[in-house]
Amino acid sequence: MKKIIAAALALTMTLGMSTTALAAGNVDGAGVGSQDPIDVTAKYNDGVTEPTVYSVDLQWEDMTFTYNESGTRIWNPDTHTYTDSTTSGWDKTTAAVTATNHSNTEVTVSFTYTPQGDTDVNATMSQDSFKLAAGVENKPNEAATDSSILTITGTPNNSVTAEGVTIGTITVTIE
């Protein structure tokens, strides 16, 4: 029993003699226990990659244009000429191409109209190009959108038939 009491007493004395040590900066000589503060720094390393995703919706209005003539041309047998009481014109003169950007990056949308054949019909795009801002996270209904409008003019010659002929093509480029 004396051995157990002696061991317990020795353990108590050993624990009572311990001291606490604190890490400190340079002691500036102001006395024992003087310490300079030490900054604690946290860093963040973002190793997540976000690849570019392109998603642009294109909507084309109907690109069929019809030139209509109506009325009468009355033959005059004395002069061998027609008396013309007709009206003519296009059923419509414009059609839009609309782009909506759902990409996670800005895009440039460009339009090129290339005429085909000799039809006496001219066409131009209202915008050669435009930029669309990147999509905003969680706001798909607010995606950037814009349009270029094709406008046709002129009176078609005999090469334009009731079956229709291709008068040109529109090329859309997205960068």
Protein backbone atom coordinates (compact mmCIF):
# COMPACT_ATOMS: atom_id res chain seq x y z
CA MET A 1 0.00 0.00 0.00
CA LYS A 2 2.89 2.34 0.79
CA LYS A 3 4.17 1.81 -2.76
CA ILE A 4 0.82 2.85 -4.28
CA ILE A 5 0.63 5.98 -2.11
CA ALA A 6 4.24 6.86 -2.97
CA ALA A 7 3.56 6.44 -6.71
CA ALA A 8 0.42 8.63 -6.52
CA LEU A 9 2.32 11.29 -4.55
CA ALA A 10 5.20 11.23 -7.09
CA LEU A 11 2.71 11.61 -9.98
CA THR A 12 0.97 14.54 -8.26
CA MET A 13 4.29 16.30 -7.69
CA THR A 14 5.34 15.72 -11.32
CA LEU A 15 2.11 17.23 -12.66
CA GLY A 16 2.42 20.19 -10.30
CA MET A 17 5.86 21.10 -11.68
CA SER A 18 4.76 21.44 -15.37
CA THR A 19 4.82 24.85 -17.05
CA THR A 20 2.94 26.21 -20.03
CA ALA A 21 4.97 27.41 -23.00
CA LEU A 22 3.49 29.77 -25.59
CA ALA A 23 4.84 30.48 -29.03
CA ALA A 24 5.86 34.08 -29.42
CA GLY A 25 7.44 36.37 -31.92
CA ASN A 26 10.57 38.28 -31.19
CA VAL A 27 10.80 39.44 -27.62
CA ASP A 28 11.45 43.16 -27.83
CA GLY A 29 13.26 43.46 -24.53
CA ALA A 30 10.33 45.08 -22.77
CA GLY A 31 10.41 42.35 -20.24
CA VAL A 32 9.54 38.77 -19.79
CA GLY A 33 6.25 37.86 -21.45
CA SER A 34 6.26 40.70 -24.02
CA GLN A 35 5.21 39.37 -27.42
CA ASP A 36 4.72 40.69 -30.95
CA PRO A 37 1.45 39.63 -32.58
CA ILE A 38 1.61 36.94 -35.25
CA ASP A 39 -0.75 37.10 -38.24
CA VAL A 40 -2.72 33.97 -39.05
CA THR A 41 -3.31 33.63 -42.81
CA ALA A 42 -5.88 31.55 -44.69
CA LYS A 43 -5.60 30.89 -48.42
CA TYR A 44 -8.08 29.61 -51.00
CA ASN A 45 -7.05 27.77 -54.12
CA ASP A 46 -9.83 27.50 -56.72
CA GLY A 47 -8.88 24.50 -58.82
CA VAL A 48 -12.32 24.20 -60.44
CA THR A 49 -12.36 24.68 -64.20
CA GLU A 50 -15.32 26.09 -66.08
CA PRO A 51 -15.12 25.07 -69.73
CA THR A 52 -16.81 27.37 -72.23
CA VAL A 53 -20.22 26.08 -73.28
CA TYR A 54 -21.82 27.52 -76.41
CA SER A 55 -25.59 27.44 -76.75
CA VAL A 56 -27.21 29.94 -79.10
CA ASP A 57 -30.81 29.60 -80.26
CA LEU A 58 -31.58 30.83 -83.78
CA GLN A 59 -35.13 31.54 -84.90
CA TRP A 60 -35.90 32.23 -88.55
CA GLU A 61 -39.08 33.86 -89.70
CA ASP A 62 -40.49 32.42 -92.92
CA MET A 63 -38.09 33.41 -95.71
CA THR A 64 -40.62 32.97 -98.55
CA PHE A 65 -41.58 36.19 -100.31
CA THR A 66 -44.30 36.37 -102.96
CA TYR A 67 -44.61 39.10 -105.53
CA ASN A 68 -48.28 39.54 -106.47
CA GLU A 69 -49.82 41.28 -109.46
CA SER A 70 -53.55 41.76 -109.70
CA GLY A 71 -55.99 43.72 -111.84
CA THR A 72 -56.52 43.70 -115.59
CA ARG A 73 -54.68 44.59 -118.77
CA ILE A 74 -57.10 45.41 -121.53
CA TRP A 75 -56.02 44.96 -125.15
CA ASN A 76 -56.64 47.91 -127.44
CA PRO A 77 -56.95 46.49 -131.01
CA ASP A 78 -56.54 49.93 -132.61
CA THR A 79 -53.18 50.73 -131.01
CA HIS A 80 -52.08 47.20 -130.31
CA THR A 81 -51.27 48.11 -126.71
CA TYR A 82 -52.54 47.18 -123.31
CA THR A 83 -54.24 49.59 -120.97
CA ASP A 84 -52.81 48.57 -117.64
CA SER A 85 -54.93 48.76 -114.51
CA THR A 86 -52.91 46.43 -112.33
CA THR A 87 -51.35 46.68 -108.90
CA SER A 88 -48.32 44.78 -107.76
CA GLY A 89 -46.10 44.32 -104.75
CA TRP A 90 -44.60 41.94 -102.24
CA ASP A 91 -46.80 40.12 -99.71
CA LYS A 92 -44.14 41.12 -97.16
CA THR A 93 -40.75 42.75 -97.46
CA THR A 94 -39.03 41.69 -94.21
CA ALA A 95 -38.21 38.58 -92.23
CA ALA A 96 -36.07 38.40 -89.06
CA VAL A 97 -33.34 36.09 -87.87
CA THR A 98 -33.21 36.20 -84.04
CA ALA A 99 -30.34 34.90 -81.89
CA THR A 100 -30.57 34.20 -78.13
CA ASN A 101 -27.40 33.49 -76.16
CA HIS A 102 -27.59 30.78 -73.47
CA SER A 103 -23.77 30.34 -73.46
CA ASN A 104 -21.57 31.02 -70.45
CA THR A 105 -19.54 33.45 -72.56
CA GLU A 106 -20.19 36.44 -74.80
CA VAL A 107 -20.74 35.61 -78.47
CA THR A 108 -20.66 37.60 -81.69
CA VAL A 109 -23.33 36.71 -84.24
CA SER A 110 -22.59 37.71 -87.86
CA PHE A 111 -24.85 37.61 -90.93
CA THR A 112 -23.88 37.40 -94.58
CA TYR A 113 -26.44 37.57 -97.38
CA THR A 114 -25.25 36.15 -100.71
CA PRO A 115 -27.50 36.74 -103.73
CA GLN A 116 -28.02 33.93 -106.24
CA GLY A 117 -28.96 34.28 -109.86
CA ASP A 118 -30.05 37.35 -111.78
CA THR A 119 -33.58 37.96 -110.46
CA ASP A 120 -33.69 41.78 -110.13
CA VAL A 121 -34.57 41.23 -106.46
CA ASN A 122 -32.25 42.87 -103.90
CA ALA A 123 -31.91 41.93 -100.24
CA THR A 124 -30.02 43.40 -97.29
CA MET A 125 -29.61 42.53 -93.62
CA SER A 126 -30.34 45.26 -91.04
CA GLN A 127 -27.26 44.29 -89.00
CA ASP A 128 -24.08 42.65 -90.23
CA SER A 129 -23.26 41.51 -86.68
CA PHE A 130 -23.95 42.06 -83.01
CA LYS A 131 -22.60 40.89 -79.64
CA LEU A 132 -24.69 39.02 -77.11
CA ALA A 133 -23.72 38.97 -73.41
CA ALA A 134 -23.12 35.69 -71.58
CA GLY A 135 -26.04 34.06 -69.84
CA VAL A 136 -26.63 34.98 -66.20
CA GLU A 137 -26.73 32.08 -63.76
CA ASN A 138 -30.28 31.05 -62.80
CA LYS A 139 -31.87 33.60 -65.19
CA PRO A 140 -32.54 31.78 -68.50
CA ASN A 141 -35.54 33.99 -69.28
CA GLU A 142 -33.27 37.05 -69.29
CA ALA A 143 -30.86 35.69 -71.92
CA ALA A 144 -29.42 38.29 -74.30
CA THR A 145 -31.23 38.40 -77.65
CA ASP A 146 -31.13 40.47 -80.83
CA SER A 147 -32.29 40.26 -84.45
CA SER A 148 -31.11 41.10 -87.93
CA ILE A 149 -33.91 41.74 -90.39
CA LEU A 150 -33.73 40.77 -94.06
CA THR A 151 -35.41 43.35 -96.33
CA ILE A 152 -36.11 42.67 -100.01
CA THR A 153 -36.78 45.22 -102.73
CA GLY A 154 -37.15 45.30 -106.50
CA THR A 155 -39.45 43.85 -109.11
CA PRO A 156 -38.61 40.26 -110.02
CA ASN A 157 -37.85 39.43 -113.64
CA ASN A 158 -39.03 36.35 -115.61
CA SER A 159 -36.58 34.05 -113.82
CA VAL A 160 -38.79 34.20 -110.70
CA THR A 161 -41.62 31.73 -111.23
CA ALA A 162 -44.77 30.66 -109.41
CA GLU A 163 -42.88 27.58 -108.13
CA GLY A 164 -40.29 29.85 -106.57
CA VAL A 165 -36.55 30.18 -107.02
CA THR A 166 -33.74 30.73 -104.57
CA ILE A 167 -32.76 34.39 -104.72
CA GLY A 168 -30.01 34.17 -102.07
CA THR A 169 -28.72 32.56 -98.89
CA ILE A 170 -28.08 33.83 -95.40
CA THR A 171 -25.04 32.51 -93.54
CA VAL A 172 -24.99 32.94 -89.76
CA THR A 173 -21.61 32.74 -88.01
CA ILE A 174 -21.29 32.50 -84.22
CA GLU A 175 -17.94 33.29 -82.62
